[in-house]
Amino acid sequence: MQALNAKIITSAVLLTASTAALAETHCTDAPSNEWISQADMQERISEMGYKIKEFKVTEGNCYEIYGWDEQERRVEIYFNPVDASIVKQEVED
């Protein structure tokens, strides 16, 4: 019985991990040499009215920022690094 419980728990953990991996925001399959440079992208984001606290490249090939919008609301935004479009955005009211 303990072996069966261990298998069930292991399966549940693996399923949860797989679901989390699939939830990663994906922005592009383009090679990084086709991306807007990080410095240029940060400048564009600032020109859009965002204040950047943290800027990073994600495993899903996105530029991601944590910061604030023009209304001083906290934001987390994923940008496509090829065309600077917003792929996903979370705004805290």
PDB file of N, CA and C in Angstrom:
ATOM      1  N   MET A   1       0.823  -1.188   0.000  1.00  0.00           N
ATOM      2  CA  MET A   1       0.000   0.000   0.000  1.00  0.00           C
ATOM      3  C   MET A   1       0.868   1.253   0.000  1.00  0.00           C
ATOM      4  N   GLN A   2       1.966   1.236   0.766  1.00  0.00           N
ATOM      5  CA  GLN A   2       2.850   2.401   0.801  1.00  0.00           C
ATOM      6  C   GLN A   2       3.489   2.648  -0.562  1.00  0.00           C
ATOM      7  N   ALA A   3       3.813   1.588  -1.264  1.00  0.00           N
ATOM      8  CA  ALA A   3       4.404   1.725  -2.602  1.00  0.00           C
ATOM      9  C   ALA A   3       3.410   2.380  -3.553  1.00  0.00           C
ATOM     10  N   LEU A   4       2.145   2.018  -3.448  1.00  0.00           N
ATOM     11  CA  LEU A   4       1.111   2.610  -4.289  1.00  0.00           C
ATOM     12  C   LEU A   4       0.950   4.093  -3.962  1.00  0.00           C
ATOM     13  N   ASN A   5       0.934   4.438  -2.689  1.00  0.00           N
ATOM     14  CA  ASN A   5       0.837   5.838  -2.283  1.00  0.00           C
ATOM     15  C   ASN A   5       2.036   6.639  -2.790  1.00  0.00           C
ATOM     16  N   ALA A   6       3.208   6.066  -2.727  1.00  0.00           N
ATOM     17  CA  ALA A   6       4.413   6.746  -3.213  1.00  0.00           C
ATOM     18  C   ALA A   6       4.321   6.993  -4.716  1.00  0.00           C
ATOM     19  N   LYS A   7       3.802   6.021  -5.454  1.00  0.00           N
ATOM     20  CA  LYS A   7       3.650   6.185  -6.905  1.00  0.00           C
ATOM     21  C   LYS A   7       2.629   7.282  -7.228  1.00  0.00           C
ATOM     22  N   ILE A   8       1.557   7.322  -6.482  1.00  0.00           N
ATOM     23  CA  ILE A   8       0.530   8.348  -6.702  1.00  0.00           C
ATOM     24  C   ILE A   8       1.100   9.730  -6.410  1.00  0.00           C
ATOM     25  N   ILE A   9       1.805   9.866  -5.329  1.00  0.00           N
ATOM     26  CA  ILE A   9       2.409  11.159  -4.971  1.00  0.00           C
ATOM     27  C   ILE A   9       3.435  11.573  -6.014  1.00  0.00           C
ATOM     28  N   THR A  10       4.270  10.645  -6.436  1.00  0.00           N
ATOM     29  CA  THR A  10       5.276  10.935  -7.460  1.00  0.00           C
ATOM     30  C   THR A  10       4.610  11.380  -8.756  1.00  0.00           C
ATOM     31  N   SER A  11       3.561  10.694  -9.150  1.00  0.00           N
ATOM     32  CA  SER A  11       2.843  11.065 -10.370  1.00  0.00           C
ATOM     33  C   SER A  11       2.244  12.461 -10.252  1.00  0.00           C
ATOM     34  N   ALA A  12       1.681  12.777  -9.104  1.00  0.00           N
ATOM     35  CA  ALA A  12       1.080  14.095  -8.899  1.00  0.00           C
ATOM     36  C   ALA A  12       2.134  15.195  -8.965  1.00  0.00           C
ATOM     37  N   VAL A  13       3.290  14.953  -8.375  1.00  0.00           N
ATOM     38  CA  VAL A  13       4.373  15.931  -8.401  1.00  0.00           C
ATOM     39  C   VAL A  13       4.863  16.150  -9.831  1.00  0.00           C
ATOM     40  N   LEU A  14       5.052  15.076 -10.570  1.00  0.00           N
ATOM     41  CA  LEU A  14       5.506  15.199 -11.956  1.00  0.00           C
ATOM     42  C   LEU A  14       4.479  15.916 -12.827  1.00  0.00           C
ATOM     43  N   LEU A  15       3.223  15.640 -12.627  1.00  0.00           N
ATOM     44  CA  LEU A  15       2.165  16.298 -13.384  1.00  0.00           C
ATOM     45  C   LEU A  15       2.143  17.793 -13.083  1.00  0.00           C
ATOM     46  N   THR A  16       2.291  18.147 -11.825  1.00  0.00           N
ATOM     47  CA  THR A  16       2.322  19.556 -11.433  1.00  0.00           C
ATOM     48  C   THR A  16       3.526  20.251 -12.055  1.00  0.00           C
ATOM     49  N   ALA A  17       4.674  19.632 -12.029  1.00  0.00           N
ATOM     50  CA  ALA A  17       5.881  20.220 -12.618  1.00  0.00           C
ATOM     51  C   ALA A  17       5.727  20.390 -14.125  1.00  0.00           C
ATOM     52  N   SER A  18       5.127  19.415 -14.776  1.00  0.00           N
ATOM     53  CA  SER A  18       4.912  19.506 -16.225  1.00  0.00           C
ATOM     54  C   SER A  18       3.966  20.646 -16.567  1.00  0.00           C
ATOM     55  N   THR A  19       2.913  20.803 -15.783  1.00  0.00           N
ATOM     56  CA  THR A  19       1.955  21.884 -16.013  1.00  0.00           C
ATOM     57  C   THR A  19       2.626  23.227 -15.833  1.00  0.00           C
ATOM     58  N   ALA A  20       3.470  23.376 -14.822  1.00  0.00           N
ATOM     59  CA  ALA A  20       4.178  24.636 -14.592  1.00  0.00           C
ATOM     60  C   ALA A  20       5.109  24.946 -15.753  1.00  0.00           C
ATOM     61  N   ALA A  21       5.769  23.948 -16.274  1.00  0.00           N
ATOM     62  CA  ALA A  21       6.676  24.162 -17.405  1.00  0.00           C
ATOM     63  C   ALA A  21       5.906  24.609 -18.640  1.00  0.00           C
ATOM     64  N   LEU A  22       4.725  24.064 -18.846  1.00  0.00           N
ATOM     65  CA  LEU A  22       3.918  24.446 -19.993  1.00  0.00           C
ATOM     66  C   LEU A  22       3.350  25.851 -19.844  1.00  0.00           C
ATOM     67  N   ALA A  23       3.268  26.354 -18.626  1.00  0.00           N
ATOM     68  CA  ALA A  23       2.686  27.663 -18.373  1.00  0.00           C
ATOM     69  C   ALA A  23       3.666  28.798 -18.664  1.00  0.00           C
ATOM     70  N   GLU A  24       4.917  28.503 -18.921  1.00  0.00           N
ATOM     71  CA  GLU A  24       5.915  29.530 -19.224  1.00  0.00           C
ATOM     72  C   GLU A  24       5.471  30.348 -20.432  1.00  0.00           C
ATOM     73  N   THR A  25       5.509  31.664 -20.297  1.00  0.00           N
ATOM     74  CA  THR A  25       5.142  32.544 -21.405  1.00  0.00           C
ATOM     75  C   THR A  25       6.209  32.456 -22.482  1.00  0.00           C
ATOM     76  N   HIS A  26       5.783  32.199 -23.712  1.00  0.00           N
ATOM     77  CA  HIS A  26       6.693  32.078 -24.847  1.00  0.00           C
ATOM     78  C   HIS A  26       6.455  33.253 -25.790  1.00  0.00           C
ATOM     79  N   CYS A  27       7.513  33.933 -26.187  1.00  0.00           N
ATOM     80  CA  CYS A  27       7.372  35.141 -27.009  1.00  0.00           C
ATOM     81  C   CYS A  27       7.837  34.982 -28.450  1.00  0.00           C
ATOM     82  N   THR A  28       8.911  34.243 -28.693  1.00  0.00           N
ATOM     83  CA  THR A  28       9.420  34.132 -30.060  1.00  0.00           C
ATOM     84  C   THR A  28      10.301  32.902 -30.222  1.00  0.00           C
ATOM     85  N   ASP A  29      10.402  32.451 -31.466  1.00  0.00           N
ATOM     86  CA  ASP A  29      11.355  31.406 -31.833  1.00  0.00           C
ATOM     87  C   ASP A  29      12.501  31.987 -32.651  1.00  0.00           C
ATOM     88  N   ALA A  30      12.468  33.303 -32.861  1.00  0.00           N
ATOM     89  CA  ALA A  30      13.511  33.955 -33.664  1.00  0.00           C
ATOM     90  C   ALA A  30      14.853  33.872 -32.949  1.00  0.00           C
ATOM     91  N   PRO A  31      15.945  33.709 -33.699  1.00  0.00           N
ATOM     92  CA  PRO A  31      17.270  33.680 -33.077  1.00  0.00           C
ATOM     93  C   PRO A  31      17.578  35.027 -32.424  1.00  0.00           C
ATOM     94  N   SER A  32      18.378  35.007 -31.376  1.00  0.00           N
ATOM     95  CA  SER A  32      18.646  36.225 -30.601  1.00  0.00           C
ATOM     96  C   SER A  32      19.315  37.326 -31.420  1.00  0.00           C
ATOM     97  N   ASN A  33      19.981  36.982 -32.528  1.00  0.00           N
ATOM     98  CA  ASN A  33      20.595  38.033 -33.353  1.00  0.00           C
ATOM     99  C   ASN A  33      19.548  38.861 -34.101  1.00  0.00           C
ATOM    100  N   GLU A  34      18.292  38.419 -34.085  1.00  0.00           N
ATOM    101  CA  GLU A  34      17.198  39.179 -34.694  1.00  0.00           C
ATOM    102  C   GLU A  34      16.437  40.015 -33.664  1.00  0.00           C
ATOM    103  N   TRP A  35      16.825  39.910 -32.409  1.00  0.00           N
ATOM    104  CA  TRP A  35      16.146  40.628 -31.341  1.00  0.00           C
ATOM    105  C   TRP A  35      16.601  42.088 -31.283  1.00  0.00           C
ATOM    106  N   ILE A  36      15.734  42.929 -30.757  1.00  0.00           N
ATOM    107  CA  ILE A  36      16.111  44.297 -30.414  1.00  0.00           C
ATOM    108  C   ILE A  36      17.103  44.182 -29.258  1.00  0.00           C
ATOM    109  N   SER A  37      18.154  44.993 -29.263  1.00  0.00           N
ATOM    110  CA  SER A  37      19.136  44.898 -28.173  1.00  0.00           C
ATOM    111  C   SER A  37      18.461  45.224 -26.840  1.00  0.00           C
ATOM    112  N   GLN A  38      19.016  44.694 -25.763  1.00  0.00           N
ATOM    113  CA  GLN A  38      18.429  44.932 -24.446  1.00  0.00           C
ATOM    114  C   GLN A  38      18.421  46.422 -24.109  1.00  0.00           C
ATOM    115  N   ALA A  39      19.482  47.133 -24.440  1.00  0.00           N
ATOM    116  CA  ALA A  39      19.545  48.571 -24.154  1.00  0.00           C
ATOM    117  C   ALA A  39      18.480  49.327 -24.938  1.00  0.00           C
ATOM    118  N   ASP A  40      18.338  49.009 -26.234  1.00  0.00           N
ATOM    119  CA  ASP A  40      17.318  49.669 -27.050  1.00  0.00           C
ATOM    120  C   ASP A  40      15.912  49.329 -26.557  1.00  0.00           C
ATOM    121  N   MET A  41      15.718  48.087 -26.144  1.00  0.00           N
ATOM    122  CA  MET A  41      14.399  47.685 -25.660  1.00  0.00           C
ATOM    123  C   MET A  41      14.054  48.419 -24.374  1.00  0.00           C
ATOM    124  N   GLN A  42      15.002  48.546 -23.471  1.00  0.00           N
ATOM    125  CA  GLN A  42      14.745  49.272 -22.230  1.00  0.00           C
ATOM    126  C   GLN A  42      14.394  50.732 -22.524  1.00  0.00           C
ATOM    127  N   GLU A  43      15.048  51.322 -23.498  1.00  0.00           N
ATOM    128  CA  GLU A  43      14.745  52.696 -23.886  1.00  0.00           C
ATOM    129  C   GLU A  43      13.323  52.789 -24.453  1.00  0.00           C
ATOM    130  N   ARG A  44      12.951  51.844 -25.300  1.00  0.00           N
ATOM    131  CA  ARG A  44      11.595  51.835 -25.874  1.00  0.00           C
ATOM    132  C   ARG A  44      10.536  51.692 -24.784  1.00  0.00           C
ATOM    133  N   ILE A  45      10.810  50.798 -23.837  1.00  0.00           N
ATOM    134  CA  ILE A  45       9.860  50.573 -22.747  1.00  0.00           C
ATOM    135  C   ILE A  45       9.696  51.857 -21.926  1.00  0.00           C
ATOM    136  N   SER A  46      10.781  52.530 -21.660  1.00  0.00           N
ATOM    137  CA  SER A  46      10.715  53.807 -20.935  1.00  0.00           C
ATOM    138  C   SER A  46       9.918  54.838 -21.730  1.00  0.00           C
ATOM    139  N   GLU A  47      10.121  54.865 -23.040  1.00  0.00           N
ATOM    140  CA  GLU A  47       9.376  55.798 -23.893  1.00  0.00           C
ATOM    141  C   GLU A  47       7.885  55.481 -23.920  1.00  0.00           C
ATOM    142  N   MET A  48       7.526  54.203 -23.627  1.00  0.00           N
ATOM    143  CA  MET A  48       6.114  53.819 -23.542  1.00  0.00           C
ATOM    144  C   MET A  48       5.484  54.301 -22.233  1.00  0.00           C
ATOM    145  N   GLY A  49       6.303  54.832 -21.335  1.00  0.00           N
ATOM    146  CA  GLY A  49       5.790  55.355 -20.074  1.00  0.00           C
ATOM    147  C   GLY A  49       5.999  54.462 -18.865  1.00  0.00           C
ATOM    148  N   TYR A  50       6.746  53.388 -19.023  1.00  0.00           N
ATOM    149  CA  TYR A  50       6.994  52.476 -17.905  1.00  0.00           C
ATOM    150  C   TYR A  50       8.290  52.830 -17.199  1.00  0.00           C
ATOM    151  N   LYS A  51       8.297  52.638 -15.870  1.00  0.00           N
ATOM    152  CA  LYS A  51       9.521  52.755 -15.076  1.00  0.00           C
ATOM    153  C   LYS A  51       9.962  51.335 -14.757  1.00  0.00           C
ATOM    154  N   ILE A  52      11.181  51.012 -15.115  1.00  0.00           N
ATOM    155  CA  ILE A  52      11.680  49.644 -14.980  1.00  0.00           C
ATOM    156  C   ILE A  52      12.413  49.477 -13.649  1.00  0.00           C
ATOM    157  N   LYS A  53      11.953  48.517 -12.865  1.00  0.00           N
ATOM    158  CA  LYS A  53      12.668  48.123 -11.640  1.00  0.00           C
ATOM    159  C   LYS A  53      13.633  46.991 -11.960  1.00  0.00           C
ATOM    160  N   GLU A  54      13.130  46.009 -12.734  1.00  0.00           N
ATOM    161  CA  GLU A  54      13.941  44.850 -13.117  1.00  0.00           C
ATOM    162  C   GLU A  54      13.648  44.489 -14.569  1.00  0.00           C
ATOM    163  N   PHE A  55      14.691  44.188 -15.307  1.00  0.00           N
ATOM    164  CA  PHE A  55      14.590  43.797 -16.712  1.00  0.00           C
ATOM    165  C   PHE A  55      15.340  42.490 -16.865  1.00  0.00           C
ATOM    166  N   LYS A  56      14.716  41.504 -17.513  1.00  0.00           N
ATOM    167  CA  LYS A  56      15.416  40.229 -17.702  1.00  0.00           C
ATOM    168  C   LYS A  56      14.938  39.528 -18.961  1.00  0.00           C
ATOM    169  N   VAL A  57      15.706  38.535 -19.360  1.00  0.00           N
ATOM    170  CA  VAL A  57      15.358  37.663 -20.476  1.00  0.00           C
ATOM    171  C   VAL A  57      14.857  36.358 -19.872  1.00  0.00           C
ATOM    172  N   THR A  58      13.690  35.900 -20.321  1.00  0.00           N
ATOM    173  CA  THR A  58      13.103  34.687 -19.763  1.00  0.00           C
ATOM    174  C   THR A  58      13.483  33.457 -20.580  1.00  0.00           C
ATOM    175  N   GLU A  59      13.203  32.297 -20.021  1.00  0.00           N
ATOM    176  CA  GLU A  59      13.446  31.046 -20.738  1.00  0.00           C
ATOM    177  C   GLU A  59      12.510  30.899 -21.929  1.00  0.00           C
ATOM    178  N   GLY A  60      11.405  31.647 -21.927  1.00  0.00           N
ATOM    179  CA  GLY A  60      10.452  31.604 -23.028  1.00  0.00           C
ATOM    180  C   GLY A  60      10.771  32.609 -24.120  1.00  0.00           C
ATOM    181  N   ASN A  61      12.022  33.106 -24.125  1.00  0.00           N
ATOM    182  CA  ASN A  61      12.492  34.059 -25.133  1.00  0.00           C
ATOM    183  C   ASN A  61      11.684  35.356 -25.135  1.00  0.00           C
ATOM    184  N   CYS A  62      11.503  35.916 -23.955  1.00  0.00           N
ATOM    185  CA  CYS A  62      10.818  37.192 -23.789  1.00  0.00           C
ATOM    186  C   CYS A  62      11.755  38.161 -23.079  1.00  0.00           C
ATOM    187  N   TYR A  63      11.493  39.443 -23.273  1.00  0.00           N
ATOM    188  CA  TYR A  63      12.027  40.454 -22.377  1.00  0.00           C
ATOM    189  C   TYR A  63      10.927  40.677 -21.349  1.00  0.00           C
ATOM    190  N   GLU A  64      11.273  40.582 -20.077  1.00  0.00           N
ATOM    191  CA  GLU A  64      10.292  40.731 -19.014  1.00  0.00           C
ATOM    192  C   GLU A  64      10.704  41.893 -18.124  1.00  0.00           C
ATOM    193  N   ILE A  65       9.729  42.712 -17.758  1.00  0.00           N
ATOM    194  CA  ILE A  65      10.027  43.775 -16.805  1.00  0.00           C
ATOM    195  C   ILE A  65       9.107  43.679 -15.596  1.00  0.00           C
ATOM    196  N   TYR A  66       9.633  44.149 -14.493  1.00  0.00           N
ATOM    197  CA  TYR A  66       8.857  44.449 -13.302  1.00  0.00           C
ATOM    198  C   TYR A  66       9.056  45.938 -13.098  1.00  0.00           C
ATOM    199  N   GLY A  67       7.980  46.652 -12.838  1.00  0.00           N
ATOM    200  CA  GLY A  67       8.107  48.084 -12.658  1.00  0.00           C
ATOM    201  C   GLY A  67       6.760  48.732 -12.442  1.00  0.00           C
ATOM    202  N   TRP A  68       6.608  49.961 -12.974  1.00  0.00           N
ATOM    203  CA  TRP A  68       5.396  50.747 -12.783  1.00  0.00           C
ATOM    204  C   TRP A  68       4.960  51.369 -14.102  1.00  0.00           C
ATOM    205  N   ASP A  69       3.647  51.534 -14.253  1.00  0.00           N
ATOM    206  CA  ASP A  69       3.122  52.209 -15.442  1.00  0.00           C
ATOM    207  C   ASP A  69       2.978  53.705 -15.143  1.00  0.00           C
ATOM    208  N   GLU A  70       2.382  54.440 -16.072  1.00  0.00           N
ATOM    209  CA  GLU A  70       2.240  55.890 -15.911  1.00  0.00           C
ATOM    210  C   GLU A  70       1.340  56.277 -14.736  1.00  0.00           C
ATOM    211  N   GLN A  71       0.456  55.374 -14.316  1.00  0.00           N
ATOM    212  CA  GLN A  71      -0.423  55.630 -13.172  1.00  0.00           C
ATOM    213  C   GLN A  71       0.184  55.128 -11.860  1.00  0.00           C
ATOM    214  N   GLU A  72       1.477  54.784 -11.895  1.00  0.00           N
ATOM    215  CA  GLU A  72       2.213  54.293 -10.726  1.00  0.00           C
ATOM    216  C   GLU A  72       1.700  52.948 -10.209  1.00  0.00           C
ATOM    217  N   ARG A  73       1.041  52.166 -11.079  1.00  0.00           N
ATOM    218  CA  ARG A  73       0.621  50.820 -10.707  1.00  0.00           C
ATOM    219  C   ARG A  73       1.769  49.859 -11.001  1.00  0.00           C
ATOM    220  N   ARG A  74       1.916  48.854 -10.153  1.00  0.00           N
ATOM    221  CA  ARG A  74       2.936  47.831 -10.398  1.00  0.00           C
ATOM    222  C   ARG A  74       2.546  47.012 -11.613  1.00  0.00           C
ATOM    223  N   VAL A  75       3.555  46.701 -12.432  1.00  0.00           N
ATOM    224  CA  VAL A  75       3.309  45.903 -13.625  1.00  0.00           C
ATOM    225  C   VAL A  75       4.358  44.810 -13.764  1.00  0.00           C
ATOM    226  N   GLU A  76       3.947  43.747 -14.394  1.00  0.00           N
ATOM    227  CA  GLU A  76       4.846  42.688 -14.861  1.00  0.00           C
ATOM    228  C   GLU A  76       4.456  42.487 -16.314  1.00  0.00           C
ATOM    229  N   ILE A  77       5.403  42.721 -17.225  1.00  0.00           N
ATOM    230  CA  ILE A  77       5.078  42.678 -18.650  1.00  0.00           C
ATOM    231  C   ILE A  77       6.104  41.845 -19.398  1.00  0.00           C
ATOM    232  N   TYR A  78       5.604  40.994 -20.292  1.00  0.00           N
ATOM    233  CA  TYR A  78       6.440  40.200 -21.180  1.00  0.00           C
ATOM    234  C   TYR A  78       6.357  40.822 -22.574  1.00  0.00           C
ATOM    235  N   PHE A  79       7.500  41.146 -23.146  1.00  0.00           N
ATOM    236  CA  PHE A  79       7.573  41.737 -24.473  1.00  0.00           C
ATOM    237  C   PHE A  79       8.202  40.763 -25.459  1.00  0.00           C
ATOM    238  N   ASN A  80       7.710  40.785 -26.691  1.00  0.00           N
ATOM    239  CA  ASN A  80       8.363  40.060 -27.768  1.00  0.00           C
ATOM    240  C   ASN A  80       9.641  40.835 -28.097  1.00  0.00           C
ATOM    241  N   PRO A  81      10.812  40.199 -28.021  1.00  0.00           N
ATOM    242  CA  PRO A  81      12.074  40.918 -28.239  1.00  0.00           C
ATOM    243  C   PRO A  81      12.365  41.246 -29.701  1.00  0.00           C
ATOM    244  N   VAL A  82      11.539  40.756 -30.614  1.00  0.00           N
ATOM    245  CA  VAL A  82      11.738  41.025 -32.039  1.00  0.00           C
ATOM    246  C   VAL A  82      11.011  42.303 -32.459  1.00  0.00           C
ATOM    247  N   ASP A  83       9.773  42.474 -31.978  1.00  0.00           N
ATOM    248  CA  ASP A  83       8.976  43.621 -32.424  1.00  0.00           C
ATOM    249  C   ASP A  83       8.487  44.528 -31.288  1.00  0.00           C
ATOM    250  N   ALA A  84       8.867  44.244 -30.059  1.00  0.00           N
ATOM    251  CA  ALA A  84       8.522  45.041 -28.869  1.00  0.00           C
ATOM    252  C   ALA A  84       7.035  44.996 -28.518  1.00  0.00           C
ATOM    253  N   SER A  85       6.289  44.062 -29.077  1.00  0.00           N
ATOM    254  CA  SER A  85       4.872  43.959 -28.733  1.00  0.00           C
ATOM    255  C   SER A  85       4.719  43.321 -27.349  1.00  0.00           C
ATOM    256  N   ILE A  86       3.635  43.690 -26.674  1.00  0.00           N
ATOM    257  CA  ILE A  86       3.341  43.108 -25.369  1.00  0.00           C
ATOM    258  C   ILE A  86       2.663  41.759 -25.589  1.00  0.00           C
ATOM    259  N   VAL A  87       3.245  40.717 -24.992  1.00  0.00           N
ATOM    260  CA  VAL A  87       2.717  39.362 -25.118  1.00  0.00           C
ATOM    261  C   VAL A  87       1.812  39.036 -23.932  1.00  0.00           C
ATOM    262  N   LYS A  88       2.208  39.505 -22.749  1.00  0.00           N
ATOM    263  CA  LYS A  88       1.437  39.245 -21.540  1.00  0.00           C
ATOM    264  C   LYS A  88       1.681  40.399 -20.590  1.00  0.00           C
ATOM    265  N   GLN A  89       0.624  40.792 -19.869  1.00  0.00           N
ATOM    266  CA  GLN A  89       0.757  41.920 -18.952  1.00  0.00           C
ATOM    267  C   GLN A  89      -0.090  41.693 -17.723  1.00  0.00           C
ATOM    268  N   GLU A  90       0.495  41.946 -16.570  1.00  0.00           N
ATOM    269  CA  GLU A  90      -0.245  41.887 -15.306  1.00  0.00           C
ATOM    270  C   GLU A  90      -0.087  43.234 -14.639  1.00  0.00           C
ATOM    271  N   VAL A  91      -1.224  43.848 -14.261  1.00  0.00           N
ATOM    272  CA  VAL A  91      -1.220  45.154 -13.628  1.00  0.00           C
ATOM    273  C   VAL A  91      -1.870  45.020 -12.273  1.00  0.00           C
ATOM    274  N   GLU A  92      -1.184  45.530 -11.248  1.00  0.00           N
ATOM    275  CA  GLU A  92      -1.718  45.494  -9.892  1.00  0.00           C
ATOM    276  C   GLU A  92      -2.429  46.804  -9.621  1.00  0.00           C
ATOM    277  N   ASP A  93      -3.709  46.711  -9.271  1.00  0.00           N
ATOM    278  CA  ASP A  93      -4.477  47.931  -8.986  1.00  0.00           C
ATOM    279  C   ASP A  93      -4.213  48.474  -7.596  1.00  0.00           C
TER     280      ASP A  93
END
